[in-house]
PDB file of N, CA and C in Angstrom:
ATOM      1  N   MET A   1      87.310 112.647  69.929  1.00  0.00           N
ATOM      2  CA  MET A   1      86.757 114.443  69.121  1.00  0.00           C
ATOM      3  C   MET A   1      86.744 114.092  67.530  1.00  0.00           C
ATOM      4  N   GLY A   2      85.665 114.479  67.340  1.00  0.00           N
ATOM      5  CA  GLY A   2      85.181 114.201  65.597  1.00  0.00           C
ATOM      6  C   GLY A   2      86.468 115.092  64.695  1.00  0.00           C
ATOM      7  N   GLU A   3      86.107 114.785  63.452  1.00  0.00           N
ATOM      8  CA  GLU A   3      87.283 115.364  62.796  1.00  0.00           C
ATOM      9  C   GLU A   3      86.846 117.028  62.467  1.00  0.00           C
ATOM     10  N   GLN A   4      85.678 117.215  62.533  1.00  0.00           N
ATOM     11  CA  GLN A   4      85.089 118.556  62.406  1.00  0.00           C
ATOM     12  C   GLN A   4      85.374 119.519  64.058  1.00  0.00           C
ATOM     13  N   GLU A   5      84.956 119.045  65.053  1.00  0.00           N
ATOM     14  CA  GLU A   5      85.202 119.534  65.988  1.00  0.00           C
ATOM     15  C   GLU A   5      86.596 119.941  66.752  1.00  0.00           C
ATOM     16  N   GLY A   6      86.645 121.347  66.683  1.00  0.00           N
ATOM     17  CA  GLY A   6      87.958 122.029  67.381  1.00  0.00           C
ATOM     18  C   GLY A   6      88.757 122.468  65.929  1.00  0.00           C
ATOM     19  N   LYS A   7      87.835 122.497  64.682  1.00  0.00           N
ATOM     20  CA  LYS A   7      88.536 122.816  63.363  1.00  0.00           C
ATOM     21  C   LYS A   7      88.202 124.322  63.471  1.00  0.00           C
ATOM     22  N   LEU A   8      89.464 125.325  63.167  1.00  0.00           N
ATOM     23  CA  LEU A   8      89.376 126.861  63.315  1.00  0.00           C
ATOM     24  C   LEU A   8      89.243 127.260  61.929  1.00  0.00           C
ATOM     25  N   LYS A   9      88.801 128.176  61.707  1.00  0.00           N
ATOM     26  CA  LYS A   9      88.657 129.037  60.136  1.00  0.00           C
ATOM     27  C   LYS A   9      88.439 130.756  60.742  1.00  0.00           C
ATOM     28  N   GLU A  10      89.281 131.345  60.159  1.00  0.00           N
ATOM     29  CA  GLU A  10      89.079 132.809  59.815  1.00  0.00           C
ATOM     30  C   GLU A  10      87.709 133.233  59.763  1.00  0.00           C
ATOM     31  N   ASN A  11      87.337 134.018  60.732  1.00  0.00           N
ATOM     32  CA  ASN A  11      85.883 135.040  60.477  1.00  0.00           C
ATOM     33  C   ASN A  11      86.021 136.166  61.211  1.00  0.00           C
ATOM     34  N   PHE A  12      84.923 136.777  60.944  1.00  0.00           N
ATOM     35  CA  PHE A  12      84.778 138.183  61.574  1.00  0.00           C
ATOM     36  C   PHE A  12      84.048 138.295  62.243  1.00  0.00           C
ATOM     37  N   GLY A  13      84.245 139.247  63.507  1.00  0.00           N
ATOM     38  CA  GLY A  13      83.566 139.803  64.827  1.00  0.00           C
ATOM     39  C   GLY A  13      83.550 141.389  64.873  1.00  0.00           C
ATOM     40  N   ILE A  14      82.630 141.363  65.907  1.00  0.00           N
ATOM     41  CA  ILE A  14      82.663 143.375  65.848  1.00  0.00           C
ATOM     42  C   ILE A  14      82.950 143.491  67.428  1.00  0.00           C
ATOM     43  N   CYS A  15      83.600 144.573  67.597  1.00  0.00           N
ATOM     44  CA  CYS A  15      84.141 144.777  68.888  1.00  0.00           C
ATOM     45  C   CYS A  15      82.509 145.412  69.478  1.00  0.00           C
ATOM     46  N   ARG A  16      82.373 144.767  70.755  1.00  0.00           N
ATOM     47  CA  ARG A  16      81.210 145.319  71.417  1.00  0.00           C
ATOM     48  C   ARG A  16      81.094 146.974  71.573  1.00  0.00           C
ATOM     49  N   PHE A  17      82.319 147.458  72.039  1.00  0.00           N
ATOM     50  CA  PHE A  17      82.799 148.702  72.664  1.00  0.00           C
ATOM     51  C   PHE A  17      82.907 149.625  71.328  1.00  0.00           C
ATOM     52  N   CYS A  18      83.569 149.435  70.161  1.00  0.00           N
ATOM     53  CA  CYS A  18      83.901 150.767  69.492  1.00  0.00           C
ATOM     54  C   CYS A  18      83.211 150.233  68.145  1.00  0.00           C
ATOM     55  N   GLY A  19      82.920 149.114  67.705  1.00  0.00           N
ATOM     56  CA  GLY A  19      82.147 148.595  66.406  1.00  0.00           C
ATOM     57  C   GLY A  19      83.252 148.069  65.762  1.00  0.00           C
ATOM     58  N   GLN A  20      84.385 148.510  65.996  1.00  0.00           N
ATOM     59  CA  GLN A  20      85.298 147.806  64.838  1.00  0.00           C
ATOM     60  C   GLN A  20      84.959 146.392  64.527  1.00  0.00           C
ATOM     61  N   VAL A  21      85.403 145.917  63.315  1.00  0.00           N
ATOM     62  CA  VAL A  21      85.499 144.700  62.728  1.00  0.00           C
ATOM     63  C   VAL A  21      86.781 144.080  62.657  1.00  0.00           C
ATOM     64  N   LEU A  22      86.774 143.302  63.085  1.00  0.00           N
ATOM     65  CA  LEU A  22      88.255 142.452  63.461  1.00  0.00           C
ATOM     66  C   LEU A  22      88.184 140.818  62.795  1.00  0.00           C
ATOM     67  N   MET A  23      89.356 140.697  62.441  1.00  0.00           N
ATOM     68  CA  MET A  23      89.638 139.018  62.118  1.00  0.00           C
ATOM     69  C   MET A  23      89.668 138.320  63.351  1.00  0.00           C
ATOM     70  N   VAL A  24      88.922 136.952  63.305  1.00  0.00           N
ATOM     71  CA  VAL A  24      88.939 136.369  64.448  1.00  0.00           C
ATOM     72  C   VAL A  24      89.007 134.641  63.863  1.00  0.00           C
ATOM     73  N   LYS A  25      90.050 134.171  64.595  1.00  0.00           N
ATOM     74  CA  LYS A  25      89.836 132.784  64.329  1.00  0.00           C
ATOM     75  C   LYS A  25      88.645 131.803  65.259  1.00  0.00           C
ATOM     76  N   ALA A  26      87.828 131.032  64.560  1.00  0.00           N
ATOM     77  CA  ALA A  26      86.845 130.249  65.856  1.00  0.00           C
ATOM     78  C   ALA A  26      86.512 129.320  65.032  1.00  0.00           C
ATOM     79  N   ALA A  27      85.925 128.433  66.000  1.00  0.00           N
ATOM     80  CA  ALA A  27      84.982 127.208  65.477  1.00  0.00           C
ATOM     81  C   ALA A  27      84.137 127.601  64.310  1.00  0.00           C
ATOM     82  N   GLU A  28      84.185 126.286  63.565  1.00  0.00           N
ATOM     83  CA  GLU A  28      83.570 126.697  61.950  1.00  0.00           C
ATOM     84  C   GLU A  28      82.068 127.199  62.440  1.00  0.00           C
ATOM     85  N   ASP A  29      81.228 126.637  63.537  1.00  0.00           N
ATOM     86  CA  ASP A  29      80.167 126.668  63.825  1.00  0.00           C
ATOM     87  C   ASP A  29      79.932 128.059  64.855  1.00  0.00           C
ATOM     88  N   ALA A  30      80.829 128.514  65.027  1.00  0.00           N
ATOM     89  CA  ALA A  30      80.947 129.959  66.000  1.00  0.00           C
ATOM     90  C   ALA A  30      79.599 130.625  65.825  1.00  0.00           C
ATOM     91  N   THR A  31      78.986 131.098  67.014  1.00  0.00           N
ATOM     92  CA  THR A  31      77.993 132.126  66.602  1.00  0.00           C
ATOM     93  C   THR A  31      78.234 133.376  66.344  1.00  0.00           C
ATOM     94  N   GLU A  32      77.059 134.407  65.859  1.00  0.00           N
ATOM     95  CA  GLU A  32      77.420 135.819  65.814  1.00  0.00           C
ATOM     96  C   GLU A  32      77.987 136.333  67.223  1.00  0.00           C
ATOM     97  N   GLN A  33      77.504 136.011  68.456  1.00  0.00           N
ATOM     98  CA  GLN A  33      77.936 136.438  69.859  1.00  0.00           C
ATOM     99  C   GLN A  33      79.204 135.766  70.028  1.00  0.00           C
ATOM    100  N   GLU A  34      79.750 135.109  69.667  1.00  0.00           N
ATOM    101  CA  GLU A  34      81.100 134.319  70.022  1.00  0.00           C
ATOM    102  C   GLU A  34      82.020 134.753  69.286  1.00  0.00           C
ATOM    103  N   LEU A  35      81.521 135.047  67.951  1.00  0.00           N
ATOM    104  CA  LEU A  35      82.783 135.905  67.415  1.00  0.00           C
ATOM    105  C   LEU A  35      82.754 137.375  67.625  1.00  0.00           C
ATOM    106  N   ASN A  36      81.773 138.048  67.973  1.00  0.00           N
ATOM    107  CA  ASN A  36      81.953 139.319  68.634  1.00  0.00           C
ATOM    108  C   ASN A  36      82.694 139.189  69.861  1.00  0.00           C
ATOM    109  N   THR A  37      82.703 138.010  70.803  1.00  0.00           N
ATOM    110  CA  THR A  37      83.072 138.084  72.072  1.00  0.00           C
ATOM    111  C   THR A  37      84.888 137.769  71.633  1.00  0.00           C
ATOM    112  N   LEU A  38      85.145 136.726  70.646  1.00  0.00           N
ATOM    113  CA  LEU A  38      86.289 137.152  70.275  1.00  0.00           C
ATOM    114  C   LEU A  38      87.146 138.283  69.916  1.00  0.00           C
ATOM    115  N   ALA A  39      86.158 139.047  69.236  1.00  0.00           N
ATOM    116  CA  ALA A  39      87.064 140.352  68.414  1.00  0.00           C
ATOM    117  C   ALA A  39      86.957 141.630  69.788  1.00  0.00           C
ATOM    118  N   THR A  40      86.119 141.241  70.679  1.00  0.00           N
ATOM    119  CA  THR A  40      86.297 142.271  71.723  1.00  0.00           C
ATOM    120  C   THR A  40      87.403 141.832  72.533  1.00  0.00           C
ATOM    121  N   ASP A  41      87.756 140.275  72.591  1.00  0.00           N
ATOM    122  CA  ASP A  41      89.239 140.197  73.286  1.00  0.00           C
ATOM    123  C   ASP A  41      90.380 140.308  72.434  1.00  0.00           C
ATOM    124  N   LYS A  42      90.121 140.831  71.538  1.00  0.00           N
ATOM    125  CA  LYS A  42      91.569 141.101  70.888  1.00  0.00           C
ATOM    126  C   LYS A  42      91.480 142.796  70.393  1.00  0.00           C
ATOM    127  N   CYS A  43      90.416 142.977  70.235  1.00  0.00           N
ATOM    128  CA  CYS A  43      90.532 144.572  70.243  1.00  0.00           C
ATOM    129  C   CYS A  43      91.297 145.825  71.314  1.00  0.00           C
ATOM    130  N   GLU A  44      91.762 146.771  70.970  1.00  0.00           N
ATOM    131  CA  GLU A  44      92.491 147.320  71.724  1.00  0.00           C
ATOM    132  C   GLU A  44      91.824 148.693  71.625  1.00  0.00           C
ATOM    133  N   CYS A  45      90.463 148.804  71.730  1.00  0.00           N
ATOM    134  CA  CYS A  45      89.981 150.309  72.130  1.00  0.00           C
ATOM    135  C   CYS A  45      89.845 150.194  73.708  1.00  0.00           C
ATOM    136  N   GLU A  46      89.598 151.419  74.226  1.00  0.00           N
ATOM    137  CA  GLU A  46      89.582 151.587  75.937  1.00  0.00           C
ATOM    138  C   GLU A  46      88.303 150.870  76.507  1.00  0.00           C
ATOM    139  N   GLY A  47      87.209 150.817  76.041  1.00  0.00           N
ATOM    140  CA  GLY A  47      86.383 150.195  76.467  1.00  0.00           C
ATOM    141  C   GLY A  47      86.490 148.415  76.275  1.00  0.00           C
ATOM    142  N   ALA A  48      87.264 147.472  75.484  1.00  0.00           N
ATOM    143  CA  ALA A  48      87.266 146.616  75.227  1.00  0.00           C
ATOM    144  C   ALA A  48      88.526 146.245  76.156  1.00  0.00           C
ATOM    145  N   ARG A  49      89.553 146.929  76.463  1.00  0.00           N
ATOM    146  CA  ARG A  49      90.388 147.145  77.208  1.00  0.00           C
ATOM    147  C   ARG A  49      89.953 146.836  78.771  1.00  0.00           C
ATOM    148  N   GLU A  50      89.227 147.475  79.218  1.00  0.00           N
ATOM    149  CA  GLU A  50      88.362 147.386  80.319  1.00  0.00           C
ATOM    150  C   GLU A  50      87.836 146.158  80.638  1.00  0.00           C
ATOM    151  N   TRP A  51      87.057 145.671  79.314  1.00  0.00           N
ATOM    152  CA  TRP A  51      86.006 144.629  79.491  1.00  0.00           C
ATOM    153  C   TRP A  51      87.089 143.454  79.685  1.00  0.00           C
ATOM    154  N   GLN A  52      88.013 143.418  78.703  1.00  0.00           N
ATOM    155  CA  GLN A  52      89.183 142.275  79.354  1.00  0.00           C
ATOM    156  C   GLN A  52      89.652 142.396  80.484  1.00  0.00           C
ATOM    157  N   GLU A  53      90.120 143.358  81.037  1.00  0.00           N
ATOM    158  CA  GLU A  53      90.627 143.589  82.817  1.00  0.00           C
ATOM    159  C   GLU A  53      89.554 143.151  83.192  1.00  0.00           C
ATOM    160  N   MET A  54      88.142 143.096  83.261  1.00  0.00           N
ATOM    161  CA  MET A  54      87.106 142.819  83.959  1.00  0.00           C
ATOM    162  C   MET A  54      87.151 141.396  84.056  1.00  0.00           C
ATOM    163  N   GLN A  55      87.322 141.091  82.745  1.00  0.00           N
ATOM    164  CA  GLN A  55      86.996 139.222  82.344  1.00  0.00           C
ATOM    165  C   GLN A  55      88.205 138.542  83.151  1.00  0.00           C
ATOM    166  N   ASP A  56      89.611 138.932  83.119  1.00  0.00           N
ATOM    167  CA  ASP A  56      90.470 138.716  83.670  1.00  0.00           C
ATOM    168  C   ASP A  56      90.448 138.609  85.461  1.00  0.00           C
ATOM    169  N   GLN A  57      89.991 139.616  85.400  1.00  0.00           N
ATOM    170  CA  GLN A  57      89.803 139.657  87.393  1.00  0.00           C
ATOM    171  C   GLN A  57      88.643 138.862  87.823  1.00  0.00           C
ATOM    172  N   LYS A  58      87.783 138.479  86.877  1.00  0.00           N
ATOM    173  CA  LYS A  58      87.006 137.278  87.169  1.00  0.00           C
ATOM    174  C   LYS A  58      87.075 135.882  87.125  1.00  0.00           C
ATOM    175  N   ALA A  59      87.784 135.692  86.436  1.00  0.00           N
ATOM    176  CA  ALA A  59      88.666 134.443  86.104  1.00  0.00           C
ATOM    177  C   ALA A  59      89.472 133.880  87.073  1.00  0.00           C
ATOM    178  N   PHE A  60      90.245 134.992  87.323  1.00  0.00           N
ATOM    179  CA  PHE A  60      91.278 135.191  88.724  1.00  0.00           C
ATOM    180  C   PHE A  60      90.273 134.980  90.195  1.00  0.00           C
ATOM    181  N   ALA A  61      89.546 135.417  90.293  1.00  0.00           N
ATOM    182  CA  ALA A  61      88.463 135.258  91.541  1.00  0.00           C
ATOM    183  C   ALA A  61      87.678 134.033  91.368  1.00  0.00           C
ATOM    184  N   GLU A  62      87.100 133.658  90.417  1.00  0.00           N
ATOM    185  CA  GLU A  62      86.816 132.434  90.505  1.00  0.00           C
ATOM    186  C   GLU A  62      87.724 131.153  90.727  1.00  0.00           C
ATOM    187  N   ALA A  63      88.879 131.227  89.881  1.00  0.00           N
ATOM    188  CA  ALA A  63      89.859 130.249  90.681  1.00  0.00           C
ATOM    189  C   ALA A  63      90.323 129.835  92.029  1.00  0.00           C
ATOM    190  N   LYS A  64      90.093 131.648  92.387  1.00  0.00           N
ATOM    191  CA  LYS A  64      90.638 131.651  93.937  1.00  0.00           C
ATOM    192  C   LYS A  64      89.626 131.025  94.735  1.00  0.00           C
ATOM    193  N   ILE A  65      88.607 131.167  94.297  1.00  0.00           N
ATOM    194  CA  ILE A  65      86.989 131.138  95.503  1.00  0.00           C
ATOM    195  C   ILE A  65      86.749 129.339  95.425  1.00  0.00           C
ATOM    196  N   LYS A  66      87.300 128.745  93.926  1.00  0.00           N
ATOM    197  CA  LYS A  66      87.310 127.480  94.109  1.00  0.00           C
ATOM    198  C   LYS A  66      88.563 126.862  94.632  1.00  0.00           C
ATOM    199  N   GLU A  67      89.606 127.389  94.797  1.00  0.00           N
ATOM    200  CA  GLU A  67      90.812 127.049  95.581  1.00  0.00           C
ATOM    201  C   GLU A  67      90.483 126.703  96.913  1.00  0.00           C
ATOM    202  N   CYS A  68      90.046 127.783  97.384  1.00  0.00           N
ATOM    203  CA  CYS A  68      89.540 127.791  99.112  1.00  0.00           C
ATOM    204  C   CYS A  68      88.413 127.653  99.616  1.00  0.00           C
ATOM    205  N   CYS A  69      87.502 127.357  98.540  1.00  0.00           N
ATOM    206  CA  CYS A  69      86.121 126.894  99.324  1.00  0.00           C
ATOM    207  C   CYS A  69      85.705 125.660  98.996  1.00  0.00           C
ATOM    208  N   ALA A  70      85.694 124.492  99.458  1.00  0.00           N
ATOM    209  CA  ALA A  70      85.243 123.272  99.320  1.00  0.00           C
ATOM    210  C   ALA A  70      83.599 122.762  99.308  1.00  0.00           C
ATOM    211  N   ASN A  71      82.910 124.016 100.053  1.00  0.00           N
ATOM    212  CA  ASN A  71      81.439 123.843 100.016  1.00  0.00           C
ATOM    213  C   ASN A  71      81.011 124.154  98.982  1.00  0.00           C
ATOM    214  N   GLU A  72      80.487 123.052  98.227  1.00  0.00           N
ATOM    215  CA  GLU A  72      79.782 123.337  96.824  1.00  0.00           C
ATOM    216  C   GLU A  72      78.564 124.762  96.866  1.00  0.00           C
ATOM    217  N   THR A  73      77.907 124.781  97.631  1.00  0.00           N
ATOM    218  CA  THR A  73      76.897 125.697  97.908  1.00  0.00           C
ATOM    219  C   THR A  73      77.202 127.121  97.800  1.00  0.00           C
ATOM    220  N   VAL A  74      78.219 127.211  98.614  1.00  0.00           N
ATOM    221  CA  VAL A  74      78.774 128.155  99.162  1.00  0.00           C
ATOM    222  C   VAL A  74      79.524 129.333  97.958  1.00  0.00           C
ATOM    223  N   ARG A  75      80.311 127.896  97.122  1.00  0.00           N
ATOM    224  CA  ARG A  75      81.177 128.573  96.288  1.00  0.00           C
ATOM    225  C   ARG A  75      80.302 129.221  95.349  1.00  0.00           C
ATOM    226  N   GLU A  76      79.475 128.340  94.676  1.00  0.00           N
ATOM    227  CA  GLU A  76      78.374 128.951  93.676  1.00  0.00           C
ATOM    228  C   GLU A  76      77.738 130.270  94.107  1.00  0.00           C
ATOM    229  N   VAL A  77      77.338 130.511  95.148  1.00  0.00           N
ATOM    230  CA  VAL A  77      77.090 131.734  95.641  1.00  0.00           C
ATOM    231  C   VAL A  77      77.863 132.759  95.441  1.00  0.00           C
ATOM    232  N   LEU A  78      79.316 132.536  96.004  1.00  0.00           N
ATOM    233  CA  LEU A  78      80.207 133.620  95.811  1.00  0.00           C
ATOM    234  C   LEU A  78      80.829 133.769  94.462  1.00  0.00           C
ATOM    235  N   ILE A  79      80.832 132.773  93.552  1.00  0.00           N
ATOM    236  CA  ILE A  79      81.215 133.086  92.162  1.00  0.00           C
ATOM    237  C   ILE A  79      79.945 133.499  91.252  1.00  0.00           C
ATOM    238  N   GLY A  80      78.952 133.132  91.775  1.00  0.00           N
ATOM    239  CA  GLY A  80      77.511 134.141  91.251  1.00  0.00           C
ATOM    240  C   GLY A  80      77.672 135.504  91.797  1.00  0.00           C
ATOM    241  N   GLN A  81      78.557 136.113  92.549  1.00  0.00           N
ATOM    242  CA  GLN A  81      78.228 137.293  93.057  1.00  0.00           C
ATOM    243  C   GLN A  81      79.465 138.369  92.169  1.00  0.00           C
ATOM    244  N   VAL A  82      80.195 137.809  91.975  1.00  0.00           N
ATOM    245  CA  VAL A  82      81.421 138.067  91.228  1.00  0.00           C
ATOM    246  C   VAL A  82      81.445 139.398  90.669  1.00  0.00           C
ATOM    247  N   GLU A  83      80.478 139.585  89.747  1.00  0.00           N
ATOM    248  CA  GLU A  83      80.012 140.301  88.576  1.00  0.00           C
ATOM    249  C   GLU A  83      79.447 141.282  89.216  1.00  0.00           C
ATOM    250  N   ASN A  84      78.342 141.364  90.135  1.00  0.00           N
ATOM    251  CA  ASN A  84      77.750 142.207  91.072  1.00  0.00           C
ATOM    252  C   ASN A  84      78.484 142.996  91.796  1.00  0.00           C
ATOM    253  N   ILE A  85      79.682 142.576  92.399  1.00  0.00           N
ATOM    254  CA  ILE A  85      80.905 143.371  92.952  1.00  0.00           C
ATOM    255  C   ILE A  85      81.662 144.442  91.968  1.00  0.00           C
ATOM    256  N   GLN A  86      81.890 143.735  91.044  1.00  0.00           N
ATOM    257  CA  GLN A  86      82.856 144.059  90.056  1.00  0.00           C
ATOM    258  C   GLN A  86      81.861 145.486  89.182  1.00  0.00           C
ATOM    259  N   ARG A  87      80.702 145.319  89.330  1.00  0.00           N
ATOM    260  CA  ARG A  87      79.652 146.543  88.702  1.00  0.00           C
ATOM    261  C   ARG A  87      79.328 147.459  89.745  1.00  0.00           C
ATOM    262  N   ASN A  88      79.809 147.419  90.645  1.00  0.00           N
ATOM    263  CA  ASN A  88      79.550 148.208  91.807  1.00  0.00           C
ATOM    264  C   ASN A  88      77.990 148.338  92.292  1.00  0.00           C
ATOM    265  N   SER A  89      77.402 147.026  92.167  1.00  0.00           N
ATOM    266  CA  SER A  89      75.994 146.893  92.430  1.00  0.00           C
ATOM    267  C   SER A  89      76.158 146.862  93.979  1.00  0.00           C
ATOM    268  N   PHE A  90      77.323 146.121  94.627  1.00  0.00           N
ATOM    269  CA  PHE A  90      77.503 146.572  96.168  1.00  0.00           C
ATOM    270  C   PHE A  90      79.160 146.051  95.853  1.00  0.00           C
ATOM    271  N   ARG A  91      79.513 146.359  97.495  1.00  0.00           N
ATOM    272  CA  ARG A  91      80.936 146.473  97.506  1.00  0.00           C
ATOM    273  C   ARG A  91      81.558 144.984  98.002  1.00  0.00           C
ATOM    274  N   SER A  92      80.668 144.338  99.009  1.00  0.00           N
ATOM    275  CA  SER A  92      81.265 142.952  99.260  1.00  0.00           C
ATOM    276  C   SER A  92      79.955 141.985  99.776  1.00  0.00           C
ATOM    277  N   ILE A  93      80.438 140.951  99.785  1.00  0.00           N
ATOM    278  CA  ILE A  93      79.800 139.701 100.340  1.00  0.00           C
ATOM    279  C   ILE A  93      80.399 138.818 101.520  1.00  0.00           C
ATOM    280  N   GLN A  94      79.977 138.316 102.439  1.00  0.00           N
ATOM    281  CA  GLN A  94      80.463 137.246 103.498  1.00  0.00           C
ATOM    282  C   GLN A  94      79.598 136.464 103.591  1.00  0.00           C
ATOM    283  N   ILE A  95      79.940 135.209 103.868  1.00  0.00           N
ATOM    284  CA  ILE A  95      79.367 134.248 104.279  1.00  0.00           C
ATOM    285  C   ILE A  95      79.868 133.325 105.359  1.00  0.00           C
ATOM    286  N   THR A  96      79.448 132.936 106.555  1.00  0.00           N
ATOM    287  CA  THR A  96      79.960 132.185 107.406  1.00  0.00           C
ATOM    288  C   THR A  96      79.426 130.863 107.302  1.00  0.00           C
ATOM    289  N   THR A  97      79.747 130.017 107.180  1.00  0.00           N
ATOM    290  CA  THR A  97      79.439 128.422 107.316  1.00  0.00           C
ATOM    291  C   THR A  97      79.068 127.983 108.805  1.00  0.00           C
ATOM    292  N   GLU A  98      78.361 126.522 108.588  1.00  0.00           N
ATOM    293  CA  GLU A  98      78.169 126.369 109.943  1.00  0.00           C
ATOM    294  C   GLU A  98      79.407 125.971 110.797  1.00  0.00           C
ATOM    295  N   ASP A  99      80.556 125.266 109.849  1.00  0.00           N
ATOM    296  CA  ASP A  99      81.734 125.142 110.723  1.00  0.00           C
ATOM    297  C   ASP A  99      82.762 125.881 111.047  1.00  0.00           C
ATOM    298  N   GLY A 100      82.423 127.219 110.991  1.00  0.00           N
ATOM    299  CA  GLY A 100      83.074 128.453 111.462  1.00  0.00           C
ATOM    300  C   GLY A 100      84.112 128.886 110.245  1.00  0.00           C
ATOM    301  N   VAL A 101      83.801 128.597 108.910  1.00  0.00           N
ATOM    302  CA  VAL A 101      84.682 129.317 107.662  1.00  0.00           C
ATOM    303  C   VAL A 101      84.245 130.250 107.438  1.00  0.00           C
ATOM    304  N   VAL A 102      84.695 131.471 107.232  1.00  0.00           N
ATOM    305  CA  VAL A 102      83.887 133.146 106.486  1.00  0.00           C
ATOM    306  C   VAL A 102      85.107 133.167 105.501  1.00  0.00           C
ATOM    307  N   PHE A 103      83.904 133.102 104.123  1.00  0.00           N
ATOM    308  CA  PHE A 103      84.477 133.415 103.099  1.00  0.00           C
ATOM    309  C   PHE A 103      83.885 134.825 102.420  1.00  0.00           C
ATOM    310  N   ALA A 104      84.774 135.706 101.873  1.00  0.00           N
ATOM    311  CA  ALA A 104      84.398 137.156 101.451  1.00  0.00           C
ATOM    312  C   ALA A 104      84.959 137.628 100.195  1.00  0.00           C
ATOM    313  N   ILE A 105      84.483 138.462  99.655  1.00  0.00           N
ATOM    314  CA  ILE A 105      84.550 138.748  98.142  1.00  0.00           C
ATOM    315  C   ILE A 105      84.423 140.444  98.854  1.00  0.00           C
ATOM    316  N   ARG A 106      85.641 141.159  98.359  1.00  0.00           N
ATOM    317  CA  ARG A 106      85.235 142.819  98.505  1.00  0.00           C
ATOM    318  C   ARG A 106      85.925 143.405  97.389  1.00  0.00           C
ATOM    319  N   ARG A 107      85.431 144.389  97.109  1.00  0.00           N
ATOM    320  CA  ARG A 107      86.057 145.306  95.907  1.00  0.00           C
ATOM    321  C   ARG A 107      87.021 146.338  96.779  1.00  0.00           C
ATOM    322  N   THR A 108      88.063 146.472  96.374  1.00  0.00           N
ATOM    323  CA  THR A 108      88.860 147.447  97.163  1.00  0.00           C
ATOM    324  C   THR A 108      88.430 148.910  96.488  1.00  0.00           C
ATOM    325  N   THR A 109      89.149 150.280  97.212  1.00  0.00           N
ATOM    326  CA  THR A 109      89.103 151.446  96.571  1.00  0.00           C
ATOM    327  C   THR A 109      89.785 151.528  95.066  1.00  0.00           C
ATOM    328  N   THR A 110      90.491 150.586  94.729  1.00  0.00           N
ATOM    329  CA  THR A 110      90.887 150.712  93.899  1.00  0.00           C
ATOM    330  C   THR A 110      90.463 150.042  92.395  1.00  0.00           C
ATOM    331  N   GLY A 111      89.545 149.300  92.965  1.00  0.00           N
ATOM    332  CA  GLY A 111      88.508 148.568  92.043  1.00  0.00           C
ATOM    333  C   GLY A 111      89.115 146.918  92.080  1.00  0.00           C
ATOM    334  N   LYS A 112      89.698 146.437  92.622  1.00  0.00           N
ATOM    335  CA  LYS A 112      90.396 145.076  92.443  1.00  0.00           C
ATOM    336  C   LYS A 112      89.441 144.280  93.474  1.00  0.00           C
ATOM    337  N   LEU A 113      89.240 142.938  93.327  1.00  0.00           N
ATOM    338  CA  LEU A 113      88.727 142.012  94.286  1.00  0.00           C
ATOM    339  C   LEU A 113      89.608 141.603  95.125  1.00  0.00           C
ATOM    340  N   LYS A 114      89.500 141.390  96.379  1.00  0.00           N
ATOM    341  CA  LYS A 114      90.039 140.730  97.488  1.00  0.00           C
ATOM    342  C   LYS A 114      89.092 139.479  97.736  1.00  0.00           C
ATOM    343  N   ILE A 115      89.779 138.459  97.701  1.00  0.00           N
ATOM    344  CA  ILE A 115      89.151 136.945  98.322  1.00  0.00           C
ATOM    345  C   ILE A 115      89.783 136.703  99.538  1.00  0.00           C
ATOM    346  N   LYS A 116      89.055 136.579 100.629  1.00  0.00           N
ATOM    347  CA  LYS A 116      89.140 136.044 101.584  1.00  0.00           C
ATOM    348  C   LYS A 116      88.684 134.895 102.270  1.00  0.00           C
ATOM    349  N   ALA A 117      89.389 133.969 102.906  1.00  0.00           N
ATOM    350  CA  ALA A 117      88.920 132.651 103.489  1.00  0.00           C
ATOM    351  C   ALA A 117      89.497 132.653 105.004  1.00  0.00           C
ATOM    352  N   LYS A 118      88.961 132.757 106.086  1.00  0.00           N
ATOM    353  CA  LYS A 118      89.113 132.480 107.781  1.00  0.00           C
ATOM    354  C   LYS A 118      88.442 131.516 108.758  1.00  0.00           C
ATOM    355  N   GLU A 119      89.202 130.995 108.796  1.00  0.00           N
ATOM    356  CA  GLU A 119      88.718 130.134 110.040  1.00  0.00           C
ATOM    357  C   GLU A 119      88.480 130.698 111.414  1.00  0.00           C
ATOM    358  N   ILE A 120      87.348 130.707 111.716  1.00  0.00           N
ATOM    359  CA  ILE A 120      86.898 131.385 112.968  1.00  0.00           C
ATOM    360  C   ILE A 120      87.038 130.275 114.393  1.00  0.00           C
ATOM    361  N   THR A 121      87.814 130.023 115.172  1.00  0.00           N
ATOM    362  CA  THR A 121      87.692 129.137 116.438  1.00  0.00           C
ATOM    363  C   THR A 121      86.873 129.842 117.802  1.00  0.00           C
ATOM    364  N   VAL A 122      85.827 129.127 117.825  1.00  0.00           N
ATOM    365  CA  VAL A 122      84.963 130.023 119.298  1.00  0.00           C
ATOM    366  C   VAL A 122      85.329 129.299 120.064  1.00  0.00           C
ATOM    367  N   VAL A 123      85.662 129.382 121.229  1.00  0.00           N
ATOM    368  CA  VAL A 123      85.511 128.584 122.299  1.00  0.00           C
ATOM    369  C   VAL A 123      84.678 129.377 123.723  1.00  0.00           C
ATOM    370  N   GLU A 124      83.658 128.547 123.728  1.00  0.00           N
ATOM    371  CA  GLU A 124      82.525 128.868 124.835  1.00  0.00           C
ATOM    372  C   GLU A 124      82.864 127.896 126.370  1.00  0.00           C
ATOM    373  N   ALA A 125      82.816 128.514 127.414  1.00  0.00           N
ATOM    374  CA  ALA A 125      82.539 127.677 128.481  1.00  0.00           C
ATOM    375  C   ALA A 125      81.653 128.235 129.430  1.00  0.00           C
ATOM    376  N   GLU A 126      80.700 127.131 130.105  1.00  0.00           N
ATOM    377  CA  GLU A 126      79.959 127.804 131.230  1.00  0.00           C
ATOM    378  C   GLU A 126      80.003 126.888 132.364  1.00  0.00           C
ATOM    379  N   ALA A 127      79.972 127.441 133.751  1.00  0.00           N
ATOM    380  CA  ALA A 127      80.050 126.437 134.545  1.00  0.00           C
ATOM    381  C   ALA A 127      78.890 126.720 135.418  1.00  0.00           C
TER     382      ALA A 127
END
C-alpha cells in the first residue's frame, strides 16, 4: 500500500435528503459523490435514516445470499434484485436450480427481506 493510499482527511459532504452540510473523513482523492454518501451515512434526518436502514438491509441480504448460494450465476441474479424488492418494484423472486435447490428473496409486509434456500427432493418411479 502506498503512503498516500488510505490517508484520510476531513472534508465536507452534503446529505442527499435534507441538504445538511456535514464534516466527514474521507480519502484525499474522494469524489463529491463519495463525500455526499459519507455525509448521508452520518446524517440523522428521517430520509437519511431510512436510506441507512435500506443499506444495512441490503448488505445483510447480500451476505446471506453469498453464504447460502454456491451457484455464482444464481447468486448474481439474486443480489442484483435486492434493491428492486426493497423499492417495491416486485415482492419476491424465486429461482430453482437444475439440482433442485430453491432460492428465494421476499419482502415481508413489515418491509423486511426474507432470504430462503431449500433443497427439493423429488422421487419418481414408473413401472
